[in-house]
Amino acid sequence: MKQEKKILDEKAPSDGMTVPEGYFADFAARMALSLEKTEFEEQAHQPIAIKPRTFWERIRPYAYMAAMFAGVWCMLKMFTLMTANPDQVVPSPTLSKALANETFVNEYVMPGIDQFDIMSQMMDEGFDLDQLDQEDAATAADADYDLNATESLDFEQDNE
């Protein structure tokens, strides 16, 4: 076995990865000299000419910020216009007449609402149902009077 190691040492003294001494000492300098200069390297040593900024380039951030605030303002204005303000809502006479007709309201406006659900919700919220019954009776009498008056006016206009 010792003899085999001696043969290997004689034939291949190392693992085959050897370089001459001092090869890597100046490797970077020799590699840099062997490569061609690129356009970028040639321009790197020249002074950079900075162009003055144009008027638009100077005001662009402020214009964008102003446009953003204007967009937010328009969006909020549209939201406030689209929400119904009860003080500004003026119903048409036709709509008022239709909503005054109890049959119309019961058949078209509230077809899926149960009266028991309404009363239980009102009781949960603390409404006094006895007081509401008295107010409803007075309101219903006024509505019947108004409805009869408008129906007689419509009848008179049709006959003319």
N, C-alpha and C. Protein backbone atom coordinates (compact mmCIF):
# COMPACT_ATOMS: atom_id res chain seq x y z
N MET A 1 0.81 -1.17 0.00
CA MET A 1 0.00 0.00 0.00
C MET A 1 0.87 1.25 0.00
N LYS A 2 1.93 1.17 0.77
CA LYS A 2 2.85 2.30 0.79
C LYS A 2 3.47 2.49 -0.57
N GLN A 3 3.66 1.42 -1.22
CA GLN A 3 4.25 1.50 -2.55
C GLN A 3 3.30 2.18 -3.53
N GLU A 4 1.99 1.92 -3.42
CA GLU A 4 1.00 2.56 -4.29
C GLU A 4 0.98 4.07 -4.08
N LYS A 5 1.10 4.52 -2.82
CA LYS A 5 1.11 5.95 -2.55
C LYS A 5 2.33 6.60 -3.16
N LYS A 6 3.41 5.93 -3.12
CA LYS A 6 4.63 6.49 -3.71
C LYS A 6 4.47 6.64 -5.21
N ILE A 7 3.84 5.69 -5.84
CA ILE A 7 3.63 5.75 -7.29
C ILE A 7 2.72 6.93 -7.62
N LEU A 8 1.65 7.09 -6.86
CA LEU A 8 0.73 8.22 -7.09
C LEU A 8 1.44 9.54 -6.88
N ASP A 9 2.25 9.64 -5.83
CA ASP A 9 2.96 10.89 -5.57
C ASP A 9 3.95 11.20 -6.68
N GLU A 10 4.52 10.18 -7.25
CA GLU A 10 5.48 10.41 -8.34
C GLU A 10 4.76 10.81 -9.63
N LYS A 11 3.69 10.15 -9.95
CA LYS A 11 2.98 10.42 -11.20
C LYS A 11 2.11 11.67 -11.11
N ALA A 12 1.40 11.86 -10.00
CA ALA A 12 0.51 13.01 -9.81
C ALA A 12 0.77 13.57 -8.42
N PRO A 13 1.71 14.48 -8.30
CA PRO A 13 2.05 14.97 -6.97
C PRO A 13 0.93 15.80 -6.31
N SER A 14 0.01 16.31 -7.11
CA SER A 14 -1.09 17.08 -6.51
C SER A 14 -2.40 16.61 -7.15
N ASP A 15 -3.49 17.28 -6.81
CA ASP A 15 -4.79 16.86 -7.33
C ASP A 15 -5.06 17.43 -8.73
N GLY A 16 -4.14 18.12 -9.32
CA GLY A 16 -4.30 18.63 -10.68
C GLY A 16 -4.75 20.06 -10.74
N MET A 17 -4.95 20.69 -9.63
CA MET A 17 -5.41 22.07 -9.58
C MET A 17 -4.26 22.97 -9.13
N THR A 18 -3.34 23.16 -9.94
CA THR A 18 -2.20 24.00 -9.57
C THR A 18 -2.05 25.13 -10.57
N VAL A 19 -1.53 26.25 -10.09
CA VAL A 19 -1.25 27.41 -10.94
C VAL A 19 0.17 27.86 -10.64
N PRO A 20 0.74 28.56 -11.56
CA PRO A 20 2.10 29.05 -11.28
C PRO A 20 2.10 30.05 -10.12
N GLU A 21 3.20 30.17 -9.45
CA GLU A 21 3.27 31.08 -8.32
C GLU A 21 3.19 32.52 -8.81
N GLY A 22 2.40 33.36 -8.04
CA GLY A 22 2.23 34.77 -8.37
C GLY A 22 1.24 35.02 -9.50
N TYR A 23 0.53 33.98 -9.91
CA TYR A 23 -0.41 34.12 -11.04
C TYR A 23 -1.56 35.05 -10.68
N PHE A 24 -2.13 34.92 -9.47
CA PHE A 24 -3.28 35.72 -9.08
C PHE A 24 -2.89 37.06 -8.45
N ALA A 25 -1.61 37.33 -8.26
CA ALA A 25 -1.17 38.57 -7.64
C ALA A 25 -1.52 39.77 -8.52
N ASP A 26 -1.28 39.68 -9.80
CA ASP A 26 -1.60 40.79 -10.70
C ASP A 26 -2.64 40.39 -11.76
N PHE A 27 -3.49 39.44 -11.41
CA PHE A 27 -4.49 38.94 -12.36
C PHE A 27 -5.49 40.03 -12.76
N ALA A 28 -5.96 40.80 -11.81
CA ALA A 28 -6.97 41.84 -12.11
C ALA A 28 -6.39 42.90 -13.05
N ALA A 29 -5.16 43.30 -12.83
CA ALA A 29 -4.54 44.32 -13.70
C ALA A 29 -4.35 43.78 -15.11
N ARG A 30 -3.90 42.56 -15.24
CA ARG A 30 -3.71 41.97 -16.57
C ARG A 30 -5.04 41.79 -17.29
N MET A 31 -6.11 41.40 -16.55
CA MET A 31 -7.43 41.21 -17.16
C MET A 31 -7.98 42.55 -17.64
N ALA A 32 -7.81 43.63 -16.86
CA ALA A 32 -8.31 44.95 -17.24
C ALA A 32 -7.60 45.45 -18.50
N LEU A 33 -6.34 45.17 -18.64
CA LEU A 33 -5.60 45.59 -19.83
C LEU A 33 -6.03 44.81 -21.07
N SER A 34 -6.43 43.58 -20.88
CA SER A 34 -6.79 42.76 -22.04
C SER A 34 -8.21 43.05 -22.56
N LEU A 35 -9.08 43.65 -21.74
CA LEU A 35 -10.44 43.95 -22.18
C LEU A 35 -10.49 45.29 -22.91
N GLU A 36 -11.41 45.39 -23.87
CA GLU A 36 -11.57 46.65 -24.59
C GLU A 36 -12.37 47.65 -23.75
N LYS A 37 -12.12 48.93 -23.97
CA LYS A 37 -12.86 49.97 -23.27
C LYS A 37 -14.25 50.09 -23.89
N THR A 38 -15.27 50.23 -23.04
CA THR A 38 -16.64 50.41 -23.53
C THR A 38 -16.97 51.90 -23.59
N GLU A 39 -18.07 52.20 -24.25
CA GLU A 39 -18.49 53.60 -24.39
C GLU A 39 -18.82 54.20 -23.03
N PHE A 40 -19.40 53.41 -22.17
CA PHE A 40 -19.76 53.88 -20.85
C PHE A 40 -18.51 54.28 -20.05
N GLU A 41 -17.45 53.48 -20.14
CA GLU A 41 -16.23 53.79 -19.40
C GLU A 41 -15.57 55.05 -19.94
N GLU A 42 -15.67 55.26 -21.24
CA GLU A 42 -15.08 56.46 -21.81
C GLU A 42 -15.85 57.71 -21.37
N GLN A 43 -17.19 57.59 -21.27
CA GLN A 43 -17.99 58.74 -20.87
C GLN A 43 -17.95 58.97 -19.36
N ALA A 44 -17.53 58.00 -18.59
CA ALA A 44 -17.52 58.12 -17.14
C ALA A 44 -16.56 59.21 -16.67
N HIS A 45 -15.53 59.46 -17.41
CA HIS A 45 -14.54 60.44 -16.99
C HIS A 45 -14.86 61.84 -17.50
N GLN A 46 -15.86 61.98 -18.35
CA GLN A 46 -16.24 63.29 -18.86
C GLN A 46 -17.26 63.92 -17.91
N PRO A 47 -17.25 65.25 -17.79
CA PRO A 47 -18.24 65.90 -16.93
C PRO A 47 -19.65 65.76 -17.53
N ILE A 48 -20.63 65.61 -16.67
CA ILE A 48 -22.02 65.43 -17.10
C ILE A 48 -22.67 66.80 -17.25
N ALA A 49 -23.28 67.02 -18.39
CA ALA A 49 -23.97 68.28 -18.65
C ALA A 49 -25.41 68.15 -18.15
N ILE A 50 -25.79 68.94 -17.17
CA ILE A 50 -27.14 68.90 -16.61
C ILE A 50 -27.96 69.99 -17.28
N LYS A 51 -29.06 69.58 -17.89
CA LYS A 51 -29.94 70.54 -18.56
C LYS A 51 -30.79 71.24 -17.51
N PRO A 52 -31.06 72.53 -17.72
CA PRO A 52 -31.95 73.21 -16.77
C PRO A 52 -33.38 72.68 -16.91
N ARG A 53 -34.08 72.63 -15.79
CA ARG A 53 -35.44 72.11 -15.82
C ARG A 53 -36.37 73.11 -16.48
N THR A 54 -37.34 72.57 -17.21
CA THR A 54 -38.31 73.43 -17.87
C THR A 54 -39.36 73.89 -16.85
N PHE A 55 -40.19 74.84 -17.28
CA PHE A 55 -41.23 75.37 -16.41
C PHE A 55 -42.17 74.26 -15.97
N TRP A 56 -42.57 73.40 -16.92
CA TRP A 56 -43.49 72.31 -16.59
C TRP A 56 -42.88 71.33 -15.60
N GLU A 57 -41.61 71.02 -15.76
CA GLU A 57 -40.96 70.09 -14.83
C GLU A 57 -40.89 70.66 -13.42
N ARG A 58 -40.82 72.00 -13.30
CA ARG A 58 -40.78 72.62 -11.98
C ARG A 58 -42.16 72.63 -11.32
N ILE A 59 -43.23 72.87 -12.10
CA ILE A 59 -44.55 72.98 -11.47
C ILE A 59 -45.35 71.69 -11.51
N ARG A 60 -44.84 70.65 -12.15
CA ARG A 60 -45.59 69.40 -12.30
C ARG A 60 -46.04 68.80 -10.97
N PRO A 61 -45.21 68.70 -9.93
CA PRO A 61 -45.72 68.12 -8.67
C PRO A 61 -46.88 68.92 -8.08
N TYR A 62 -46.80 70.24 -8.19
CA TYR A 62 -47.88 71.08 -7.64
C TYR A 62 -49.15 70.95 -8.48
N ALA A 63 -48.99 70.84 -9.81
CA ALA A 63 -50.17 70.67 -10.67
C ALA A 63 -50.84 69.33 -10.39
N TYR A 64 -50.06 68.28 -10.20
CA TYR A 64 -50.64 66.97 -9.89
C TYR A 64 -51.36 67.00 -8.54
N MET A 65 -50.76 67.68 -7.56
CA MET A 65 -51.39 67.75 -6.25
C MET A 65 -52.69 68.56 -6.33
N ALA A 66 -52.69 69.65 -7.09
CA ALA A 66 -53.92 70.44 -7.25
C ALA A 66 -55.00 69.63 -7.95
N ALA A 67 -54.61 68.86 -8.97
CA ALA A 67 -55.58 68.01 -9.67
C ALA A 67 -56.15 66.95 -8.74
N MET A 68 -55.31 66.41 -7.87
CA MET A 68 -55.79 65.40 -6.93
C MET A 68 -56.82 66.00 -5.97
N PHE A 69 -56.52 67.18 -5.43
CA PHE A 69 -57.46 67.82 -4.51
C PHE A 69 -58.75 68.21 -5.21
N ALA A 70 -58.65 68.66 -6.46
CA ALA A 70 -59.85 68.99 -7.22
C ALA A 70 -60.70 67.75 -7.46
N GLY A 71 -60.05 66.63 -7.75
CA GLY A 71 -60.79 65.38 -7.95
C GLY A 71 -61.48 64.92 -6.68
N VAL A 72 -60.79 65.04 -5.54
CA VAL A 72 -61.40 64.66 -4.26
C VAL A 72 -62.59 65.58 -3.97
N TRP A 73 -62.44 66.88 -4.23
CA TRP A 73 -63.53 67.82 -3.98
C TRP A 73 -64.73 67.48 -4.86
N CYS A 74 -64.48 67.21 -6.16
CA CYS A 74 -65.59 66.86 -7.06
C CYS A 74 -66.29 65.57 -6.61
N MET A 75 -65.51 64.60 -6.16
CA MET A 75 -66.09 63.35 -5.72
C MET A 75 -66.98 63.58 -4.50
N LEU A 76 -66.50 64.35 -3.54
CA LEU A 76 -67.30 64.62 -2.35
C LEU A 76 -68.53 65.45 -2.69
N LYS A 77 -68.41 66.37 -3.63
CA LYS A 77 -69.56 67.17 -4.06
C LYS A 77 -70.61 66.27 -4.69
N MET A 78 -70.19 65.31 -5.51
CA MET A 78 -71.15 64.39 -6.13
C MET A 78 -71.84 63.53 -5.08
N PHE A 79 -71.07 63.08 -4.07
CA PHE A 79 -71.68 62.28 -3.02
C PHE A 79 -72.73 63.07 -2.26
N THR A 80 -72.44 64.35 -1.98
CA THR A 80 -73.42 65.15 -1.24
C THR A 80 -74.63 65.47 -2.11
N LEU A 81 -74.44 65.61 -3.42
CA LEU A 81 -75.58 65.86 -4.29
C LEU A 81 -76.46 64.62 -4.46
N MET A 82 -75.84 63.45 -4.39
CA MET A 82 -76.59 62.22 -4.60
C MET A 82 -77.35 61.78 -3.36
N THR A 83 -76.90 62.20 -2.18
CA THR A 83 -77.62 61.82 -0.98
C THR A 83 -78.86 62.70 -0.86
N ALA A 84 -79.94 62.10 -0.44
CA ALA A 84 -81.21 62.82 -0.36
C ALA A 84 -81.26 63.59 0.95
N ASN A 85 -81.43 64.88 0.86
CA ASN A 85 -81.61 65.73 2.03
C ASN A 85 -83.10 65.93 2.21
N PRO A 86 -83.68 65.51 3.32
CA PRO A 86 -85.14 65.60 3.47
C PRO A 86 -85.66 67.03 3.41
N ASP A 87 -84.84 68.01 3.75
CA ASP A 87 -85.29 69.40 3.69
C ASP A 87 -85.42 69.89 2.26
N GLN A 88 -84.68 69.31 1.35
CA GLN A 88 -84.66 69.78 -0.03
C GLN A 88 -85.54 68.95 -0.97
N VAL A 89 -86.06 67.84 -0.50
CA VAL A 89 -86.86 66.98 -1.36
C VAL A 89 -88.26 67.58 -1.51
N VAL A 90 -88.65 67.85 -2.75
CA VAL A 90 -89.98 68.39 -3.02
C VAL A 90 -90.70 67.37 -3.89
N PRO A 91 -91.66 66.62 -3.32
CA PRO A 91 -92.33 65.60 -4.13
C PRO A 91 -93.27 66.26 -5.14
N SER A 92 -93.45 65.59 -6.24
CA SER A 92 -94.36 66.10 -7.27
C SER A 92 -95.80 65.91 -6.80
N PRO A 93 -96.73 66.69 -7.35
CA PRO A 93 -98.13 66.52 -6.96
C PRO A 93 -98.68 65.13 -7.28
N THR A 94 -98.21 64.55 -8.39
CA THR A 94 -98.67 63.21 -8.75
C THR A 94 -98.21 62.19 -7.71
N LEU A 95 -96.94 62.32 -7.28
CA LEU A 95 -96.41 61.41 -6.28
C LEU A 95 -97.14 61.59 -4.96
N SER A 96 -97.44 62.83 -4.58
CA SER A 96 -98.17 63.09 -3.34
C SER A 96 -99.55 62.46 -3.38
N LYS A 97 -100.21 62.59 -4.52
CA LYS A 97 -101.56 62.04 -4.66
C LYS A 97 -101.51 60.50 -4.59
N ALA A 98 -100.49 59.92 -5.23
CA ALA A 98 -100.38 58.46 -5.23
C ALA A 98 -100.08 57.94 -3.83
N LEU A 99 -99.20 58.61 -3.10
CA LEU A 99 -98.86 58.16 -1.75
C LEU A 99 -100.00 58.40 -0.76
N ALA A 100 -100.90 59.32 -1.08
CA ALA A 100 -102.05 59.56 -0.22
C ALA A 100 -103.10 58.46 -0.37
N ASN A 101 -103.08 57.76 -1.48
CA ASN A 101 -104.03 56.68 -1.73
C ASN A 101 -103.54 55.44 -1.01
N GLU A 102 -104.29 54.99 0.00
CA GLU A 102 -103.87 53.87 0.82
C GLU A 102 -103.79 52.57 0.03
N THR A 103 -104.67 52.37 -0.93
CA THR A 103 -104.66 51.16 -1.74
C THR A 103 -103.38 51.09 -2.57
N PHE A 104 -102.99 52.21 -3.17
CA PHE A 104 -101.76 52.25 -3.96
C PHE A 104 -100.55 51.92 -3.10
N VAL A 105 -100.49 52.52 -1.93
CA VAL A 105 -99.35 52.29 -1.04
C VAL A 105 -99.29 50.83 -0.61
N ASN A 106 -100.44 50.27 -0.24
CA ASN A 106 -100.45 48.88 0.21
C ASN A 106 -100.12 47.89 -0.89
N GLU A 107 -100.50 48.19 -2.14
CA GLU A 107 -100.27 47.24 -3.22
C GLU A 107 -98.91 47.40 -3.90
N TYR A 108 -98.40 48.63 -3.98
CA TYR A 108 -97.19 48.86 -4.77
C TYR A 108 -95.98 49.29 -3.95
N VAL A 109 -96.17 50.07 -2.92
CA VAL A 109 -95.03 50.59 -2.19
C VAL A 109 -94.55 49.59 -1.14
N MET A 110 -95.46 49.00 -0.39
CA MET A 110 -95.07 48.10 0.70
C MET A 110 -95.67 46.71 0.53
N PRO A 111 -95.40 46.03 -0.57
CA PRO A 111 -96.03 44.71 -0.73
C PRO A 111 -95.44 43.64 0.18
N GLY A 112 -94.17 43.77 0.58
CA GLY A 112 -93.55 42.72 1.37
C GLY A 112 -93.42 43.06 2.84
N ILE A 113 -94.01 44.15 3.28
CA ILE A 113 -93.88 44.56 4.67
C ILE A 113 -95.10 44.07 5.44
N ASP A 114 -94.84 43.39 6.53
CA ASP A 114 -95.91 42.87 7.38
C ASP A 114 -96.20 43.90 8.47
N GLN A 115 -97.48 44.16 8.76
CA GLN A 115 -97.85 45.15 9.76
C GLN A 115 -97.37 44.74 11.15
N PHE A 116 -97.35 43.45 11.42
CA PHE A 116 -96.87 42.98 12.71
C PHE A 116 -95.40 43.34 12.90
N ASP A 117 -94.58 43.19 11.83
CA ASP A 117 -93.16 43.54 11.91
C ASP A 117 -92.98 45.02 12.18
N ILE A 118 -93.78 45.84 11.55
CA ILE A 118 -93.68 47.29 11.76
C ILE A 118 -94.03 47.64 13.20
N MET A 119 -95.13 47.09 13.70
CA MET A 119 -95.56 47.40 15.07
C MET A 119 -94.55 46.89 16.09
N SER A 120 -94.00 45.70 15.91
CA SER A 120 -93.02 45.18 16.87
C SER A 120 -91.74 46.02 16.85
N GLN A 121 -91.33 46.48 15.67
CA GLN A 121 -90.14 47.33 15.59
C GLN A 121 -90.41 48.67 16.26
N MET A 122 -91.60 49.22 16.08
CA MET A 122 -91.93 50.48 16.71
C MET A 122 -91.96 50.34 18.23
N MET A 123 -92.48 49.24 18.72
CA MET A 123 -92.51 49.01 20.17
C MET A 123 -91.10 48.84 20.72
N ASP A 124 -90.23 48.15 19.95
CA ASP A 124 -88.84 47.99 20.38
C ASP A 124 -88.12 49.33 20.46
N GLU A 125 -88.47 50.25 19.57
CA GLU A 125 -87.82 51.55 19.56
C GLU A 125 -88.43 52.51 20.58
N GLY A 126 -89.53 52.13 21.22
CA GLY A 126 -90.09 52.93 22.29
C GLY A 126 -91.21 53.85 21.89
N PHE A 127 -91.87 53.63 20.77
CA PHE A 127 -93.00 54.46 20.37
C PHE A 127 -94.23 54.10 21.20
N ASP A 128 -95.02 55.12 21.52
CA ASP A 128 -96.27 54.92 22.23
C ASP A 128 -97.34 54.67 21.18
N LEU A 129 -97.82 53.43 21.07
CA LEU A 129 -98.76 53.07 20.01
C LEU A 129 -100.12 53.72 20.20
N ASP A 130 -100.53 53.99 21.45
CA ASP A 130 -101.82 54.65 21.68
C ASP A 130 -101.79 56.07 21.12
N GLN A 131 -100.68 56.76 21.33
CA GLN A 131 -100.55 58.12 20.81
C GLN A 131 -100.50 58.09 19.28
N LEU A 132 -99.81 57.10 18.72
CA LEU A 132 -99.74 56.99 17.26
C LEU A 132 -101.10 56.69 16.67
N ASP A 133 -101.93 55.89 17.35
CA ASP A 133 -103.27 55.58 16.83
C ASP A 133 -104.11 56.85 16.75
N GLN A 134 -103.99 57.72 17.76
CA GLN A 134 -104.76 58.97 17.73
C GLN A 134 -104.28 59.88 16.61
N GLU A 135 -102.94 59.97 16.44
CA GLU A 135 -102.39 60.81 15.36
C GLU A 135 -102.76 60.23 14.01
N ASP A 136 -102.72 58.90 13.86
CA ASP A 136 -103.06 58.26 12.59
C ASP A 136 -104.52 58.51 12.23
N ALA A 137 -105.38 58.50 13.21
CA ALA A 137 -106.81 58.73 12.93
C ALA A 137 -107.00 60.15 12.41
N ALA A 138 -106.30 61.12 13.01
CA ALA A 138 -106.42 62.50 12.55
C ALA A 138 -105.80 62.66 11.17
N THR A 139 -104.68 62.03 10.94
CA THR A 139 -104.01 62.13 9.64
C THR A 139 -104.84 61.43 8.56
N ALA A 140 -105.42 60.31 8.89
CA ALA A 140 -106.23 59.58 7.91
C ALA A 140 -107.46 60.40 7.53
N ALA A 141 -108.05 61.08 8.48
CA ALA A 141 -109.22 61.91 8.17
C ALA A 141 -108.81 63.05 7.24
N ASP A 142 -107.66 63.68 7.50
CA ASP A 142 -107.17 64.75 6.63
C ASP A 142 -106.86 64.21 5.25
N ALA A 143 -106.25 63.03 5.16
CA ALA A 143 -105.88 62.45 3.87
C ALA A 143 -107.12 62.10 3.07
N ASP A 144 -108.15 61.55 3.73
CA ASP A 144 -109.39 61.23 3.01
C ASP A 144 -110.04 62.49 2.47
N TYR A 145 -110.00 63.57 3.27
CA TYR A 145 -110.59 64.83 2.82
C TYR A 145 -109.82 65.36 1.62
N ASP A 146 -108.46 65.34 1.69
CA ASP A 146 -107.65 65.83 0.58
C ASP A 146 -107.85 64.97 -0.66
N LEU A 147 -107.91 63.65 -0.49
CA LEU A 147 -108.08 62.75 -1.63
C LEU A 147 -109.43 62.97 -2.29
N ASN A 148 -110.48 63.12 -1.49
CA ASN A 148 -111.80 63.37 -2.07
C ASN A 148 -111.84 64.71 -2.80
N ALA A 149 -111.15 65.72 -2.26
CA ALA A 149 -111.13 67.03 -2.91
C ALA A 149 -110.39 66.96 -4.24
N THR A 150 -109.25 66.24 -4.30
CA THR A 150 -108.49 66.16 -5.55
C THR A 150 -109.23 65.31 -6.57
N GLU A 151 -109.92 64.25 -6.11
CA GLU A 151 -110.67 63.42 -7.05
C GLU A 151 -111.83 64.20 -7.66
N SER A 152 -112.48 65.05 -6.87
CA SER A 152 -113.59 65.84 -7.43
C SER A 152 -113.06 66.89 -8.40
N LEU A 153 -111.84 67.41 -8.12
CA LEU A 153 -111.26 68.37 -9.06
C LEU A 153 -110.91 67.68 -10.38
N ASP A 154 -110.35 66.46 -10.30
CA ASP A 154 -110.02 65.72 -11.51
C ASP A 154 -111.29 65.40 -12.31
N PHE A 155 -112.36 65.04 -11.62
CA PHE A 155 -113.61 64.72 -12.29
C PHE A 155 -114.16 65.95 -12.99
N GLU A 156 -114.09 67.13 -12.32
CA GLU A 156 -114.59 68.36 -12.93
C GLU A 156 -113.76 68.73 -14.15
N GLN A 157 -112.41 68.53 -14.10
CA GLN A 157 -111.56 68.89 -15.22
C GLN A 157 -111.81 67.96 -16.39
N ASP A 158 -112.09 66.69 -16.14
CA ASP A 158 -112.36 65.76 -17.24
C ASP A 158 -113.67 66.09 -17.93
N ASN A 159 -114.67 66.58 -17.18
CA ASN A 159 -115.99 66.88 -17.76
C ASN A 159 -115.98 68.19 -18.55
N GLU A 160 -115.01 69.04 -18.34
CA GLU A 160 -114.98 70.32 -19.06
C GLU A 160 -114.55 70.19 -20.47
